[in-house]
Amino acid sequence: MDVASMAAAIMSMQAGRIQIAAAAAMLKTSADDGKAALELLQAGQNNAGQLANVASGVGQNVDITA
């Protein structure tokens, strides 16, 4: 797996985490926005699903601080 692929996978995973966190916050603030929150949760799950075929441990030792 090349560096660009790993970077793209990491970015997708981080985007999924952000979407899930945003959806959780929306669920806490308003029950009426449940449909929108569900759509965000599903988008986050889809992003995380892209990493399902990545080998165990890939990206653990990548230093992403700049």
Protein backbone atom coordinates (compact mmCIF):
# COMPACT_ATOMS: atom_id res chain seq x y z
CA MET A 1 0.00 0.00 0.00
CA ASP A 2 1.57 3.30 -0.99
CA VAL A 3 1.74 6.45 1.12
CA ALA A 4 -1.00 8.23 -0.81
CA SER A 5 -3.42 5.35 -0.29
CA MET A 6 -2.69 5.25 3.42
CA ALA A 7 -3.13 9.01 3.69
CA ALA A 8 -6.45 8.83 1.87
CA ALA A 9 -7.60 6.01 4.15
CA ILE A 10 -6.64 7.99 7.25
CA MET A 11 -8.44 11.09 5.99
CA SER A 12 -11.56 9.05 5.23
CA MET A 13 -11.49 7.55 8.69
CA GLN A 14 -11.10 10.97 10.32
CA ALA A 15 -13.96 12.37 8.23
CA GLY A 16 -16.13 9.46 9.35
CA ARG A 17 -15.29 10.13 12.99
CA ILE A 18 -16.17 13.81 12.61
CA GLN A 19 -19.48 12.95 10.95
CA ILE A 20 -20.36 10.51 13.72
CA ALA A 21 -19.46 13.05 16.43
CA ALA A 22 -21.56 15.72 14.72
CA ALA A 23 -24.50 13.33 14.40
CA ALA A 24 -24.28 12.42 18.08
CA ALA A 25 -24.35 16.11 19.03
CA MET A 26 -27.38 16.68 16.81
CA LEU A 27 -29.23 13.78 18.44
CA LYS A 28 -28.64 15.27 21.87
CA THR A 29 -29.91 18.73 20.93
CA SER A 30 -33.07 17.97 19.00
CA ALA A 31 -35.16 14.87 18.49
CA ASP A 32 -36.75 16.47 15.41
CA ASP A 33 -33.45 16.35 13.56
CA GLY A 34 -33.20 12.59 13.94
CA LYS A 35 -33.45 11.99 10.20
CA ALA A 36 -30.57 14.34 9.44
CA ALA A 37 -28.50 12.79 12.22
CA LEU A 38 -29.20 9.33 10.85
CA GLU A 39 -27.99 10.40 7.42
CA LEU A 40 -24.76 11.73 8.97
CA LEU A 41 -24.27 8.49 10.90
CA GLN A 42 -24.75 6.48 7.73
CA ALA A 43 -22.22 8.66 5.89
CA GLY A 44 -19.70 8.10 8.67
CA GLN A 45 -20.31 4.37 8.56
CA ASN A 46 -19.79 4.39 4.79
CA ASN A 47 -16.46 6.19 5.18
CA ALA A 48 -15.34 3.75 7.85
CA GLY A 49 -16.45 0.87 5.64
CA GLN A 50 -13.80 1.81 3.09
CA LEU A 51 -11.19 0.74 5.61
CA ALA A 52 -12.68 -2.72 6.15
CA ASN A 53 -10.21 -4.36 3.77
CA VAL A 54 -7.11 -2.64 5.16
CA ALA A 55 -4.69 -4.98 6.93
CA SER A 56 -4.61 -4.91 10.71
CA GLY A 57 -2.21 -2.32 12.11
CA VAL A 58 -1.92 -0.21 8.94
CA GLY A 59 -1.45 3.42 9.85
CA GLN A 60 -0.74 2.89 13.54
CA ASN A 61 2.79 4.23 13.31
CA VAL A 62 2.11 7.06 10.87
CA ASP A 63 3.10 10.44 12.31
CA ILE A 64 0.45 12.89 11.07
CA THR A 65 1.54 15.82 13.21
CA ALA A 66 2.93 18.77 11.33
